[in-house]
Protein backbone atom coordinates (compact mmCIF):
# COMPACT_ATOMS: atom_id res chain seq x y z
CA MET A 1 103.61 -2.24 -1.86
CA GLU A 2 100.96 -1.56 0.74
CA PRO A 3 101.73 1.43 2.99
CA THR A 4 103.04 0.62 6.46
CA ILE A 5 100.62 1.56 9.24
CA TYR A 6 102.07 3.54 12.13
CA ASN A 7 100.36 4.27 15.43
CA CYS A 8 100.18 6.93 18.12
CA TYR A 9 101.47 6.23 21.62
CA ILE A 10 99.49 7.30 24.70
CA ASN A 11 100.18 6.41 28.32
CA GLY A 12 102.53 3.59 27.37
CA GLU A 13 100.10 2.00 24.92
CA TRP A 14 99.88 1.91 21.12
CA ILE A 15 96.62 3.33 19.81
CA LYS A 16 95.48 1.11 16.93
CA LYS A 17 92.36 1.69 14.88
CA SER A 18 90.53 -0.14 12.14
CA SER A 19 88.49 2.91 11.18
CA GLY A 20 88.89 6.67 11.29
CA GLU A 21 90.73 9.32 9.30
CA LYS A 22 94.11 8.20 8.00
CA ILE A 23 96.92 10.52 6.98
CA ASP A 24 98.94 9.43 3.95
CA VAL A 25 102.68 10.01 4.25
CA GLU A 26 104.38 10.48 0.88
CA ASN A 27 108.01 9.99 -0.07
CA PRO A 28 108.95 13.46 -1.40
CA ALA A 29 111.37 11.96 -3.93
CA SER A 30 108.78 9.76 -5.63
CA GLY A 31 105.34 10.90 -4.47
CA GLU A 32 104.66 7.33 -3.33
CA VAL A 33 102.50 6.84 -0.23
CA PHE A 34 104.77 4.63 1.86
CA ALA A 35 103.07 5.02 5.25
CA GLN A 36 99.77 5.85 6.90
CA ILE A 37 98.82 6.90 10.41
CA TYR A 38 95.44 7.46 12.03
CA THR A 39 94.67 10.88 13.41
CA SER A 40 93.97 11.17 17.12
CA SER A 41 90.46 11.88 18.34
CA LEU A 42 89.82 14.68 20.81
CA ASP A 43 89.10 12.03 23.45
CA GLU A 44 92.56 10.57 22.83
CA VAL A 45 94.12 14.01 23.16
CA GLN A 46 92.38 14.39 26.50
CA HIS A 47 93.57 10.93 27.54
CA ALA A 48 97.18 11.83 26.67
CA LEU A 49 97.04 15.03 28.70
CA GLU A 50 95.41 13.33 31.67
CA ALA A 51 98.03 10.57 31.57
CA ALA A 52 100.79 13.19 31.53
CA ASP A 53 99.15 14.96 34.45
CA LYS A 54 98.89 11.73 36.43
CA ALA A 55 102.54 10.86 35.77
CA GLN A 56 103.95 14.32 36.37
CA PHE A 57 104.36 14.47 40.15
CA SER A 58 106.07 11.09 40.45
CA TRP A 59 108.37 12.08 37.59
CA GLN A 60 109.11 15.44 39.22
CA MET A 61 109.99 13.75 42.50
CA LEU A 62 112.72 11.66 40.89
CA PRO A 63 116.14 13.28 41.37
CA PRO A 64 117.39 14.85 38.12
CA SER A 65 120.21 12.30 38.00
CA GLU A 66 117.59 9.51 37.92
CA ARG A 67 115.61 11.25 35.18
CA ALA A 68 118.86 11.62 33.28
CA LYS A 69 119.35 7.85 33.21
CA TYR A 70 116.26 7.49 31.04
CA LEU A 71 117.50 10.19 28.67
CA PHE A 72 120.91 8.55 28.36
CA ALA A 73 119.19 5.24 27.63
CA ILE A 74 117.10 6.89 24.89
CA ALA A 75 120.26 8.38 23.35
CA ASP A 76 121.98 4.99 23.43
CA LYS A 77 119.06 3.33 21.64
CA LEU A 78 119.07 6.05 19.01
CA ALA A 79 122.76 5.47 18.41
CA GLU A 80 122.12 1.74 17.98
CA ARG A 81 119.38 2.45 15.40
CA LYS A 82 121.07 5.38 13.69
CA GLU A 83 120.92 4.02 10.16
CA HIS A 84 117.29 2.94 10.54
CA PHE A 85 116.23 6.44 11.63
CA ALA A 86 118.40 8.13 9.01
CA LYS A 87 116.77 6.19 6.17
CA LEU A 88 113.34 6.86 7.67
CA LEU A 89 114.07 10.59 7.65
CA VAL A 90 115.12 10.44 3.99
CA MET A 91 111.92 8.63 3.03
CA GLU A 92 109.68 10.89 5.08
CA GLN A 93 111.21 14.34 4.76
CA GLY A 94 113.45 14.15 1.67
CA LYS A 95 116.76 15.33 3.13
CA THR A 96 119.89 13.59 1.90
CA LEU A 97 121.20 10.54 3.73
CA VAL A 98 124.24 12.54 4.90
CA GLU A 99 121.96 15.22 6.34
CA ALA A 100 119.71 12.58 7.89
CA ARG A 101 122.61 10.87 9.66
CA PHE A 102 123.67 14.24 11.00
CA GLU A 103 120.12 14.83 12.26
CA VAL A 104 120.20 11.58 14.23
CA ASP A 105 123.56 12.58 15.72
CA ASP A 106 122.17 16.00 16.54
CA THR A 107 119.19 14.44 18.30
CA ILE A 108 121.52 12.34 20.42
CA ARG A 109 123.49 15.47 21.31
CA TYR A 110 120.32 17.35 22.30
CA ILE A 111 119.24 14.54 24.60
CA THR A 112 122.64 13.88 26.19
CA TYR A 113 123.37 17.59 26.72
CA ASN A 114 120.13 18.00 28.63
CA ALA A 115 120.67 14.78 30.57
CA GLU A 116 124.03 16.18 31.71
CA ALA A 117 122.33 19.46 32.62
CA GLY A 118 120.41 17.70 35.39
CA ARG A 119 123.24 18.34 37.85
CA ARG A 120 123.52 22.00 36.88
CA ILE A 121 120.01 23.26 37.68
CA GLN A 122 120.56 26.20 40.02
CA GLY A 123 118.46 28.29 42.34
CA ALA A 124 119.58 31.24 44.46
CA ILE A 125 119.90 32.46 48.07
CA PHE A 126 119.59 36.15 48.91
CA PRO A 127 120.10 37.98 52.22
CA SER A 128 116.99 38.62 54.29
CA GLU A 129 116.01 41.92 55.85
CA ASN A 130 115.75 40.26 59.29
CA PRO A 131 117.83 37.91 61.42
CA TYR A 132 117.06 34.19 61.43
CA GLU A 133 115.48 34.32 58.02
CA GLN A 134 116.37 32.97 54.62
CA LEU A 135 115.21 34.04 51.18
CA THR A 136 115.60 31.36 48.51
CA ILE A 137 114.59 31.04 44.87
CA HIS A 138 113.83 27.49 43.75
CA LYS A 139 113.44 26.24 40.18
CA VAL A 140 110.43 23.98 39.67
CA PRO A 141 108.85 22.35 36.59
CA TYR A 142 105.73 23.69 34.92
CA GLY A 143 104.03 20.29 34.90
CA VAL A 144 102.38 19.04 31.72
CA THR A 145 104.01 20.47 28.61
CA VAL A 146 103.18 20.14 24.92
CA GLY A 147 105.75 19.84 22.12
CA LEU A 148 104.57 20.85 18.64
CA MET A 149 107.06 19.95 15.90
CA ALA A 150 107.74 21.35 12.43
CA PHE A 151 108.25 19.02 9.46
CA ASN A 152 111.81 19.95 8.52
CA TYR A 153 113.57 18.15 11.39
CA PRO A 154 111.13 15.44 12.53
CA LEU A 155 113.58 13.74 14.91
CA ALA A 156 115.89 16.53 16.07
CA LEU A 157 112.99 18.70 17.20
CA ILE A 158 111.74 15.88 19.40
CA GLY A 159 115.13 15.66 21.10
CA ARG A 160 115.34 19.42 21.35
CA LYS A 161 112.05 19.56 23.27
CA ILE A 162 111.85 16.39 25.34
CA GLY A 163 115.45 16.74 26.57
CA PRO A 164 114.98 19.96 28.57
CA ALA A 165 111.34 19.16 29.40
CA LEU A 166 112.06 15.79 31.00
CA ILE A 167 115.30 16.65 32.80
CA THR A 168 113.56 19.53 34.58
CA GLY A 169 110.74 17.30 35.81
CA ASN A 170 108.02 18.05 33.28
CA THR A 171 106.01 15.51 31.30
CA MET A 172 105.25 16.12 27.61
CA VAL A 173 102.70 15.28 24.95
CA ILE A 174 104.29 15.57 21.52
CA LYS A 175 102.52 16.25 18.23
CA PRO A 176 104.65 15.88 15.12
CA SER A 177 103.76 17.64 11.90
CA GLU A 178 101.00 15.79 10.10
CA LEU A 179 103.37 15.72 7.11
CA THR A 180 106.10 13.83 8.98
CA PRO A 181 104.61 11.68 11.77
CA VAL A 182 106.41 8.42 11.02
CA THR A 183 109.73 9.21 12.70
CA ALA A 184 107.92 10.29 15.87
CA SER A 185 105.99 7.02 16.00
CA GLU A 186 109.22 5.05 15.59
CA PHE A 187 110.85 7.18 18.29
CA CYS A 188 108.12 6.14 20.70
CA LYS A 189 109.26 2.53 20.28
CA ILE A 190 112.48 3.64 21.94
CA ILE A 191 110.46 5.31 24.71
CA GLU A 192 108.75 1.98 25.26
CA ASP A 193 112.00 -0.03 25.10
CA VAL A 194 113.78 2.01 27.78
CA GLY A 195 110.85 1.65 30.17
CA LEU A 196 110.05 5.33 30.56
CA PRO A 197 107.18 5.57 33.07
CA LYS A 198 103.75 5.62 31.46
CA GLY A 199 102.44 9.05 30.64
CA VAL A 200 105.78 10.86 30.81
CA ILE A 201 105.85 10.99 26.99
CA SER A 202 102.80 10.48 24.81
CA MET A 203 102.37 11.13 21.09
CA VAL A 204 99.24 12.24 19.24
CA VAL A 205 98.78 13.08 15.56
CA GLY A 206 96.46 15.48 13.79
CA TYR A 207 96.02 18.91 12.31
CA GLY A 208 96.61 22.21 14.03
CA HIS A 209 93.00 23.40 13.91
CA ASN A 210 91.70 20.42 15.90
CA VAL A 211 94.32 18.29 17.65
CA GLY A 212 96.79 21.15 17.99
CA ALA A 213 94.13 23.51 19.33
CA ALA A 214 92.89 20.88 21.78
CA LEU A 215 96.40 20.53 23.21
CA VAL A 216 97.05 24.26 23.40
CA GLU A 217 93.72 25.30 24.91
CA ASN A 218 93.39 22.54 27.48
CA PRO A 219 93.70 23.71 31.12
CA ILE A 220 95.93 20.72 31.90
CA THR A 221 98.62 22.15 29.59
CA LYS A 222 100.98 24.43 31.49
CA LEU A 223 103.59 25.19 28.80
CA ILE A 224 103.68 24.89 25.00
CA SER A 225 106.90 24.59 23.02
CA MET A 226 106.31 25.01 19.30
CA THR A 227 108.49 25.22 16.19
CA GLY A 228 106.71 26.41 13.06
CA SER A 229 105.36 29.34 11.11
CA THR A 230 104.63 32.78 12.49
CA ARG A 231 100.95 32.43 11.61
CA ALA A 232 100.70 29.16 13.54
CA GLY A 233 102.57 30.77 16.43
CA GLN A 234 100.10 33.63 16.57
CA ALA A 235 97.19 31.17 16.76
CA ILE A 236 98.94 29.29 19.57
CA TYR A 237 99.65 32.54 21.41
CA LYS A 238 95.94 33.34 21.31
CA GLY A 239 94.85 29.83 22.32
CA ALA A 240 97.32 29.62 25.19
CA SER A 241 96.08 32.91 26.61
CA GLN A 242 92.88 31.26 27.84
CA ASN A 243 94.82 29.47 30.57
CA VAL A 244 97.86 31.79 30.59
CA ALA A 245 100.09 28.84 29.65
CA GLY A 246 103.80 29.36 29.24
CA LEU A 247 105.16 29.65 25.71
CA VAL A 248 108.36 28.81 23.86
CA LEU A 249 107.75 29.74 20.21
CA GLU A 250 110.40 29.40 17.52
CA LEU A 251 108.75 30.87 14.43
CA GLY A 252 109.50 31.79 10.86
CA GLY A 253 112.56 33.69 9.72
CA LYS A 254 113.87 35.40 6.60
CA ALA A 255 117.62 35.55 7.15
CA PRO A 256 119.54 38.07 5.05
CA PHE A 257 123.07 37.12 4.01
CA ILE A 258 124.93 40.43 4.05
CA VAL A 259 128.16 40.75 2.04
CA LEU A 260 130.02 44.05 2.47
CA GLU A 261 132.66 45.35 0.08
CA ASP A 262 135.63 44.20 2.19
CA ALA A 263 134.36 40.64 2.64
CA ASN A 264 136.37 37.57 1.71
CA ILE A 265 134.31 36.85 -1.40
CA ASP A 266 135.35 33.23 -1.86
CA LYS A 267 134.47 32.33 1.73
CA ALA A 268 131.22 34.28 1.50
CA VAL A 269 130.22 32.46 -1.70
CA GLU A 270 130.83 29.04 -0.15
CA ALA A 271 128.92 29.94 3.00
CA ALA A 272 126.04 31.47 1.03
CA ALA A 273 125.61 28.30 -1.04
CA ILE A 274 125.74 25.93 1.94
CA SER A 275 123.50 28.15 4.05
CA ARG A 276 120.83 28.42 1.33
CA TYR A 277 120.53 24.92 -0.10
CA ALA A 278 120.96 22.79 3.06
CA ASN A 279 117.91 20.53 3.44
CA CYS A 280 116.61 21.95 0.14
CA GLY A 281 116.39 25.37 1.78
CA GLN A 282 113.97 24.14 4.43
CA VAL A 283 115.71 25.48 7.54
CA CYS A 284 114.39 28.42 9.57
CA ILE A 285 117.86 29.99 9.79
CA CYS A 286 118.73 29.38 6.12
CA ASN A 287 120.17 32.15 3.98
CA GLU A 288 116.89 33.38 2.47
CA MET A 289 118.22 36.40 0.56
CA VAL A 290 121.57 38.00 -0.23
CA PHE A 291 122.24 41.68 0.39
CA VAL A 292 125.55 42.32 -1.39
CA ASP A 293 127.39 45.61 -1.72
CA SER A 294 127.07 46.90 -5.30
CA LYS A 295 130.87 47.33 -5.50
CA VAL A 296 131.43 43.55 -5.26
CA ALA A 297 128.00 42.29 -6.42
CA ASP A 298 129.07 41.22 -9.91
CA GLU A 299 132.07 39.25 -8.66
CA PHE A 300 130.10 37.64 -5.86
CA THR A 301 127.17 36.72 -8.11
CA ALA A 302 129.33 35.21 -10.86
CA LYS A 303 131.21 33.04 -8.37
CA LEU A 304 128.00 32.05 -6.58
CA ILE A 305 126.37 30.89 -9.81
CA LYS A 306 129.39 28.69 -10.58
CA ARG A 307 129.33 27.25 -7.06
CA VAL A 308 125.59 26.52 -7.10
CA GLN A 309 125.85 24.86 -10.50
CA LYS A 310 128.00 22.21 -8.79
CA ILE A 311 125.20 21.18 -6.41
CA ARG A 312 124.21 17.61 -7.22
CA VAL A 313 120.45 17.07 -7.08
CA GLY A 314 119.09 13.55 -7.04
CA ASN A 315 117.92 10.51 -5.12
CA PRO A 316 118.55 11.53 -1.48
CA MET A 317 119.48 7.96 -0.56
CA THR A 318 122.56 8.30 -2.78
CA ASP A 319 125.65 10.51 -2.71
CA VAL A 320 124.06 13.84 -3.65
CA ASP A 321 123.99 17.36 -2.22
CA MET A 322 120.28 18.16 -2.34
CA GLY A 323 117.05 16.19 -2.34
CA PRO A 324 113.44 17.19 -3.03
CA ASN A 325 111.18 19.68 -1.32
CA LEU A 326 108.74 18.19 1.16
CA SER A 327 105.34 18.69 -0.46
CA PRO A 328 103.75 19.45 -3.82
CA VAL A 329 101.80 22.30 -2.24
CA ALA A 330 105.02 23.97 -1.08
CA LEU A 331 106.63 23.34 -4.46
CA LYS A 332 103.75 25.00 -6.31
CA ARG A 333 103.94 28.04 -4.04
CA ILE A 334 107.72 28.35 -4.49
CA ASN A 335 107.42 28.21 -8.28
CA GLU A 336 104.63 30.80 -8.29
CA ILE A 337 106.67 33.22 -6.19
CA VAL A 338 109.74 32.80 -8.41
CA HIS A 339 107.84 33.58 -11.59
CA GLU A 340 105.91 36.39 -9.94
CA ASN A 341 109.30 37.90 -9.08
CA VAL A 342 110.41 37.56 -12.72
CA ALA A 343 107.27 39.42 -13.75
CA GLN A 344 108.24 42.12 -11.25
CA GLY A 345 111.54 42.62 -13.09
CA ALA A 346 113.93 40.13 -11.49
CA GLU A 347 116.24 38.11 -13.72
CA LEU A 348 116.21 34.31 -13.43
CA VAL A 349 119.87 33.39 -13.91
CA LEU A 350 119.76 29.79 -12.65
CA GLY A 351 117.09 27.14 -12.12
CA GLY A 352 113.47 28.10 -11.72
CA LYS A 353 111.97 24.78 -12.71
CA ARG A 354 111.79 21.02 -12.14
CA PRO A 355 115.08 19.32 -13.15
CA ASP A 356 115.12 17.54 -16.51
CA GLY A 357 115.15 13.76 -16.75
CA ALA A 358 113.03 10.72 -15.99
CA ALA A 359 114.30 10.56 -12.40
CA PHE A 360 112.56 13.86 -11.64
CA GLU A 361 109.19 13.29 -13.28
CA LYS A 362 107.64 12.28 -9.96
CA GLY A 363 108.20 13.81 -6.56
CA ASN A 364 108.73 17.38 -5.40
CA TRP A 365 111.85 18.45 -7.26
CA TYR A 366 113.09 21.97 -7.91
CA GLU A 367 116.42 23.12 -9.25
CA PRO A 368 118.73 25.30 -7.14
CA THR A 369 117.59 28.74 -8.22
CA ILE A 370 119.16 32.21 -8.24
CA LEU A 371 117.46 35.51 -9.06
CA THR A 372 119.27 38.79 -9.67
CA ASN A 373 118.09 42.39 -10.12
CA VAL A 374 115.80 41.80 -7.15
CA LYS A 375 114.37 44.76 -5.24
CA PRO A 376 113.50 44.85 -1.51
CA GLU A 377 109.80 45.13 -2.32
CA HIS A 378 109.76 42.03 -4.54
CA SER A 379 107.89 38.85 -3.54
CA THR A 380 110.99 36.68 -2.99
CA ILE A 381 112.17 39.21 -0.40
CA GLN A 382 108.83 39.76 1.27
CA GLU A 383 107.85 36.09 1.73
CA GLU A 384 109.70 33.26 3.46
CA MET A 385 110.55 30.84 0.63
CA PHE A 386 111.56 27.73 2.58
CA GLY A 387 112.91 26.25 -0.62
CA PRO A 388 116.01 26.26 -2.87
CA VAL A 389 115.59 29.81 -4.18
CA LEU A 390 118.05 32.65 -3.55
CA PRO A 391 117.25 36.26 -4.53
CA ILE A 392 120.14 38.75 -4.68
CA VAL A 393 119.70 42.43 -3.81
CA LYS A 394 122.41 45.05 -4.35
CA ILE A 395 122.98 47.38 -1.39
CA ASN A 396 125.00 50.50 -0.66
CA GLY A 397 127.01 49.50 2.38
CA TYR A 398 126.41 48.60 6.00
CA GLU A 399 123.84 51.28 6.80
CA HIS A 400 121.64 50.22 3.90
CA ALA A 401 121.80 46.56 4.99
CA LYS A 402 120.96 47.50 8.57
CA GLU A 403 117.96 49.52 7.42
CA LEU A 404 116.59 46.65 5.32
CA LEU A 405 117.15 44.17 8.16
CA ASN A 406 115.68 46.20 10.99
CA GLN A 407 112.49 47.13 9.17
CA ARG A 408 111.45 43.45 9.14
CA ASP A 409 109.47 41.53 11.78
CA ASP A 410 110.72 38.00 10.92
CA SER A 411 113.87 38.62 12.97
CA LEU A 412 115.29 35.16 13.60
CA SER A 413 118.80 35.27 12.15
CA ALA A 414 121.20 37.06 9.80
CA TYR A 415 124.62 36.52 8.25
CA LEU A 416 127.31 39.20 8.04
CA TYR A 417 130.49 38.93 5.99
CA THR A 418 133.01 41.71 6.56
CA GLU A 419 136.58 42.17 7.80
CA ASN A 420 135.66 45.47 9.48
CA HIS A 421 135.66 44.74 13.21
CA LYS A 422 134.06 48.07 14.04
CA LEU A 423 131.06 47.15 11.92
CA ILE A 424 130.95 43.68 13.45
CA MET A 425 130.79 45.17 16.94
CA ARG A 426 128.18 47.68 15.83
CA SER A 427 126.04 44.92 14.30
CA ILE A 428 125.88 43.18 17.68
CA GLN A 429 124.32 46.33 19.11
CA GLU A 430 122.32 47.46 16.09
CA PHE A 431 120.92 44.38 14.33
CA GLN A 432 117.45 43.64 15.75
CA ILE A 433 117.79 39.89 15.33
CA GLY A 434 118.01 36.70 17.41
CA THR A 435 121.22 35.25 15.95
CA ILE A 436 124.04 36.75 13.88
CA PHE A 437 126.46 34.51 11.96
CA VAL A 438 129.59 36.62 11.54
CA ASN A 439 131.86 35.31 8.76
CA LYS A 440 130.24 31.95 9.44
CA GLN A 441 127.97 29.60 7.50
CA ILE A 442 124.80 28.04 8.90
CA VAL A 443 125.36 26.23 12.18
CA GLY A 444 123.66 25.50 15.49
CA TYR A 445 125.57 24.39 18.56
CA ILE A 446 123.83 22.56 21.38
CA GLN A 447 125.30 24.92 23.98
CA GLY A 448 124.10 28.01 22.12
CA TYR A 449 120.66 29.62 22.35
CA HIS A 450 118.21 29.57 19.47
CA SER A 451 115.67 32.39 19.66
CA GLY A 452 114.00 35.04 17.57
CA HIS A 453 113.11 38.67 18.10
CA LYS A 454 109.90 40.50 17.18
CA LYS A 455 107.49 38.10 15.40
CA ALA A 456 110.12 35.37 15.11
CA GLY A 457 109.28 33.97 18.52
CA ILE A 458 109.10 34.01 22.30
CA GLY A 459 111.70 32.36 24.49
CA GLY A 460 114.15 29.97 22.91
CA GLU A 461 115.83 26.61 22.89
CA ASP A 462 119.24 24.99 23.49
CA GLY A 463 121.96 25.52 26.05
CA ILE A 464 121.52 26.55 29.66
CA TYR A 465 118.94 29.17 28.70
CA GLY A 466 116.91 26.55 26.84
CA VAL A 467 116.77 24.43 29.99
CA GLU A 468 115.61 27.49 31.94
CA GLU A 469 112.57 27.83 29.66
CA TYR A 470 111.08 24.71 31.24
CA LEU A 471 111.47 25.90 34.83
CA GLN A 472 109.40 28.29 36.94
CA LYS A 473 110.80 30.20 39.90
CA ARG A 474 109.36 29.65 43.36
CA THR A 475 110.31 32.13 46.07
CA ILE A 476 110.55 31.00 49.73
CA TYR A 477 110.65 33.36 52.72
CA MET A 478 111.65 31.24 55.70
CA ASN A 479 111.81 32.40 59.31
CA TYR A 480 113.60 29.98 61.66
CA GLU A 481 113.91 32.05 64.82
């Protein structure tokens, strides 16, 4: 079959081309090119930003409750087309159909939560130093914002960014990952259907070094919200500095899953498996490595191997637990790191290759993999894997785990399994990390706050604090004598 052509959406219009550079979009399960989309020119990027700038003031002047009506309408349309978007996510990104349906639901929750937040935007009034005066702090939008998406949640990340941006009176130009642009293009059909004013949301497509840089470095852009790698975040940080644009950067993480000697081993095993192999390990807060106390390491490892052996890998459109990795480039890198770690002395106890069988000859498949006898200096510990590989390191108690955790810069999240409440309370104070999952598997609630420390990011998303990221403070000294 011929690939379906998708288009970008700028200022309420579909940008169609008969010539220009096309991006092929492959189905990760088969390697088949099922879609194509033309990259945006720098002139089109400029047009999108100018359209957002033109639309911004009128959008800002709408009461938040009126802006919310558009967001609710978008959420309703998503709900109507849930199965369509879920299957699109499976084809484009490779997650299982169950995970894809959950992503659509999550996107709806992001959008509706922020729509509801429109009536909860607060300023402040403080006493003046003089009579007949008032000191007030108002919250105002930045103006034109840019949303840069990662590939692992092509739809949810759109909802996560446009929800708080629009409810607070900002406009936004979105750029999906060049690996997963199809869902974003389909989402813009909903934008069109609900009659969102032209320019409030536009979508462009391209690579970070040209289209991404043009968005980040443009003086029209007042705030950039980006989800992606630390290296990409550092480039955006530098580019945004030219105009001192605001930043919300959610960057790479390498979450340790810490199991202390008093942990409930069975619960820890279940959580470790779910938290590693969800979305084929392609989640920034995934369990990337296990630090397990040497006193319980053998029991934990034996049970974990049995649990992971039960993971069903296969066609993500069917009833399975894990689909393929996104890209052949990522797959090659993952395999190289695994076998480099074996050469360093680690023991490959499960997986470490493409699954057997005709169904796995094409596409980006990799077995759920476990490595033991891993040392902190080994490659699987030093590099973010973003794939279905779990290295296990033996530790000597809480202090050792804390030392290994705090010496890292990719401080996004960590897991801690223990029944010792003193250590739990200490970890809150002592772990230099954005999120701690205490006796809890991977999760992300809309009302929470998703942020990293150190090189894992600036600012954050979700909840009331996520809404605040899209607002500036304006101070008013008013004399009315």
